[in-house]
């Protein structure tokens, strides 16, 4: 299977499980590639590591939800996998700047 198709399948899987505790291993198993090669290929093709991609997607969704709903920052932090609102609010949020 070609890498572009593998990464596309992986991104679909990530998006479907974005609010869960998703790992490189889970995603690599889904696309039937070793975690080592998947992590390398994902970074090379996407320009982000797997963790950076997941974090940026979660922050992007959180930013959109922050603007379009009445949900509190505490609830958003918990929903998107942060242990506390402090850790959530101190993230460098390059994608959220465009929402504001």
C-alpha atoms as a PDB file:
ATOM      1  CA  UNK A   1       0.000   0.000   0.000  1.00  0.00           C
ATOM      2  CA  UNK A   2       1.342   3.440  -0.819  1.00  0.00           C
ATOM      3  CA  UNK A   3       2.213   5.920   1.915  1.00  0.00           C
ATOM      4  CA  UNK A   4      -0.243   8.618   0.872  1.00  0.00           C
ATOM      5  CA  UNK A   5      -3.110   6.147   1.155  1.00  0.00           C
ATOM      6  CA  UNK A   6      -1.786   4.866   4.509  1.00  0.00           C
ATOM      7  CA  UNK A   7      -1.559   8.384   5.927  1.00  0.00           C
ATOM      8  CA  UNK A   8      -5.043   9.186   4.639  1.00  0.00           C
ATOM      9  CA  UNK A   9      -6.445   6.120   6.395  1.00  0.00           C
ATOM     10  CA  UNK A  10      -4.516   7.037   9.544  1.00  0.00           C
ATOM     11  CA  UNK A  11      -5.880  10.594   9.543  1.00  0.00           C
ATOM     12  CA  UNK A  12      -9.412   9.255   9.136  1.00  0.00           C
ATOM     13  CA  UNK A  13      -8.782   6.975  12.119  1.00  0.00           C
ATOM     14  CA  UNK A  14      -7.305   9.820  14.183  1.00  0.00           C
ATOM     15  CA  UNK A  15     -10.262  12.087  13.419  1.00  0.00           C
ATOM     16  CA  UNK A  16     -12.720   9.359  14.416  1.00  0.00           C
ATOM     17  CA  UNK A  17     -10.919   8.837  17.753  1.00  0.00           C
ATOM     18  CA  UNK A  18      -9.711  12.374  18.447  1.00  0.00           C
ATOM     19  CA  UNK A  19     -11.367  12.674  21.844  1.00  0.00           C
ATOM     20  CA  UNK A  20      -9.989   9.323  23.000  1.00  0.00           C
ATOM     21  CA  UNK A  21      -6.540   8.469  24.334  1.00  0.00           C
ATOM     22  CA  UNK A  22      -5.128   7.636  20.904  1.00  0.00           C
ATOM     23  CA  UNK A  23      -1.552   6.417  20.426  1.00  0.00           C
ATOM     24  CA  UNK A  24       0.882   5.896  17.585  1.00  0.00           C
ATOM     25  CA  UNK A  25       0.652   2.176  18.242  1.00  0.00           C
ATOM     26  CA  UNK A  26      -3.156   2.165  17.916  1.00  0.00           C
ATOM     27  CA  UNK A  27      -3.019   4.036  14.642  1.00  0.00           C
ATOM     28  CA  UNK A  28      -0.110   2.023  13.231  1.00  0.00           C
ATOM     29  CA  UNK A  29      -1.947  -1.198  14.023  1.00  0.00           C
ATOM     30  CA  UNK A  30      -5.033   0.139  12.266  1.00  0.00           C
ATOM     31  CA  UNK A  31      -3.074   0.757   9.034  1.00  0.00           C
ATOM     32  CA  UNK A  32      -0.994  -2.436   9.444  1.00  0.00           C
ATOM     33  CA  UNK A  33       2.424  -0.748   9.673  1.00  0.00           C
ATOM     34  CA  UNK A  34       4.983  -1.053  12.449  1.00  0.00           C
ATOM     35  CA  UNK A  35       4.775   1.856  14.897  1.00  0.00           C
ATOM     36  CA  UNK A  36       8.397   2.804  14.158  1.00  0.00           C
ATOM     37  CA  UNK A  37       7.891   3.117  10.383  1.00  0.00           C
ATOM     38  CA  UNK A  38       4.476   4.696  10.778  1.00  0.00           C
ATOM     39  CA  UNK A  39       5.841   7.390  13.087  1.00  0.00           C
ATOM     40  CA  UNK A  40       8.691   8.154  10.661  1.00  0.00           C
ATOM     41  CA  UNK A  41       6.440   8.183   7.585  1.00  0.00           C
ATOM     42  CA  UNK A  42       3.751  10.274   9.256  1.00  0.00           C
ATOM     43  CA  UNK A  43       6.259  12.934  10.274  1.00  0.00           C
ATOM     44  CA  UNK A  44       7.868  13.040   6.838  1.00  0.00           C
ATOM     45  CA  UNK A  45       4.592  13.319   4.929  1.00  0.00           C
ATOM     46  CA  UNK A  46       2.627  15.536   7.305  1.00  0.00           C
ATOM     47  CA  UNK A  47       5.361  17.831   8.569  1.00  0.00           C
ATOM     48  CA  UNK A  48       4.284  17.187  12.168  1.00  0.00           C
ATOM     49  CA  UNK A  49       4.956  14.373  14.552  1.00  0.00           C
ATOM     50  CA  UNK A  50       1.949  12.230  15.415  1.00  0.00           C
ATOM     51  CA  UNK A  51       1.604  13.877  18.838  1.00  0.00           C
ATOM     52  CA  UNK A  52       1.885  17.387  17.388  1.00  0.00           C
ATOM     53  CA  UNK A  53      -0.801  16.601  14.831  1.00  0.00           C
ATOM     54  CA  UNK A  54      -3.197  15.229  17.457  1.00  0.00           C
ATOM     55  CA  UNK A  55      -2.524  18.139  19.831  1.00  0.00           C
ATOM     56  CA  UNK A  56      -3.015  20.752  17.092  1.00  0.00           C
ATOM     57  CA  UNK A  57      -6.253  19.142  15.917  1.00  0.00           C
ATOM     58  CA  UNK A  58      -7.616  19.018  19.460  1.00  0.00           C
ATOM     59  CA  UNK A  59      -6.656  22.636  20.064  1.00  0.00           C
ATOM     60  CA  UNK A  60      -8.229  23.678  16.788  1.00  0.00           C
ATOM     61  CA  UNK A  61     -11.503  21.963  17.676  1.00  0.00           C
ATOM     62  CA  UNK A  62     -11.385  23.408  21.181  1.00  0.00           C
ATOM     63  CA  UNK A  63     -10.861  26.912  19.785  1.00  0.00           C
ATOM     64  CA  UNK A  64     -13.814  26.593  17.473  1.00  0.00           C
ATOM     65  CA  UNK A  65     -15.984  25.281  20.279  1.00  0.00           C
ATOM     66  CA  UNK A  66     -14.825  28.037  22.629  1.00  0.00           C
ATOM     67  CA  UNK A  67     -16.003  30.666  20.184  1.00  0.00           C
ATOM     68  CA  UNK A  68     -19.251  29.033  19.092  1.00  0.00           C
ATOM     69  CA  UNK A  69     -20.590  27.715  22.394  1.00  0.00           C
ATOM     70  CA  UNK A  70     -21.026  28.669  26.026  1.00  0.00           C
ATOM     71  CA  UNK A  71     -18.830  25.839  27.320  1.00  0.00           C
ATOM     72  CA  UNK A  72     -16.361  26.809  30.042  1.00  0.00           C
ATOM     73  CA  UNK A  73     -12.607  26.621  29.596  1.00  0.00           C
ATOM     74  CA  UNK A  74     -12.452  24.022  32.378  1.00  0.00           C
ATOM     75  CA  UNK A  75     -14.928  21.781  30.562  1.00  0.00           C
ATOM     76  CA  UNK A  76     -13.081  22.258  27.264  1.00  0.00           C
ATOM     77  CA  UNK A  77      -9.766  21.356  28.863  1.00  0.00           C
ATOM     78  CA  UNK A  78     -11.199  18.134  30.248  1.00  0.00           C
ATOM     79  CA  UNK A  79     -13.059  17.284  27.037  1.00  0.00           C
ATOM     80  CA  UNK A  80      -9.921  17.604  24.911  1.00  0.00           C
ATOM     81  CA  UNK A  81      -7.676  15.570  27.195  1.00  0.00           C
ATOM     82  CA  UNK A  82      -5.925  18.101  29.417  1.00  0.00           C
ATOM     83  CA  UNK A  83      -5.500  17.396  33.113  1.00  0.00           C
ATOM     84  CA  UNK A  84      -6.215  20.960  34.160  1.00  0.00           C
ATOM     85  CA  UNK A  85      -7.334  24.278  32.700  1.00  0.00           C
ATOM     86  CA  UNK A  86      -3.856  25.653  33.464  1.00  0.00           C
ATOM     87  CA  UNK A  87      -2.123  23.143  31.203  1.00  0.00           C
ATOM     88  CA  UNK A  88      -4.740  23.828  28.514  1.00  0.00           C
ATOM     89  CA  UNK A  89      -4.510  27.612  28.726  1.00  0.00           C
ATOM     90  CA  UNK A  90      -0.700  27.638  28.578  1.00  0.00           C
ATOM     91  CA  UNK A  91      -0.522  25.728  25.291  1.00  0.00           C
ATOM     92  CA  UNK A  92       1.025  27.473  22.382  1.00  0.00           C
ATOM     93  CA  UNK A  93      -1.957  27.712  20.100  1.00  0.00           C
ATOM     94  CA  UNK A  94      -0.855  28.686  16.599  1.00  0.00           C
ATOM     95  CA  UNK A  95      -4.099  27.538  14.977  1.00  0.00           C
ATOM     96  CA  UNK A  96      -6.417  29.349  17.362  1.00  0.00           C
ATOM     97  CA  UNK A  97      -5.083  32.779  16.418  1.00  0.00           C
ATOM     98  CA  UNK A  98      -7.092  32.522  13.199  1.00  0.00           C
ATOM     99  CA  UNK A  99     -10.318  31.970  15.088  1.00  0.00           C
ATOM    100  CA  UNK A 100     -10.026  35.139  17.174  1.00  0.00           C
END
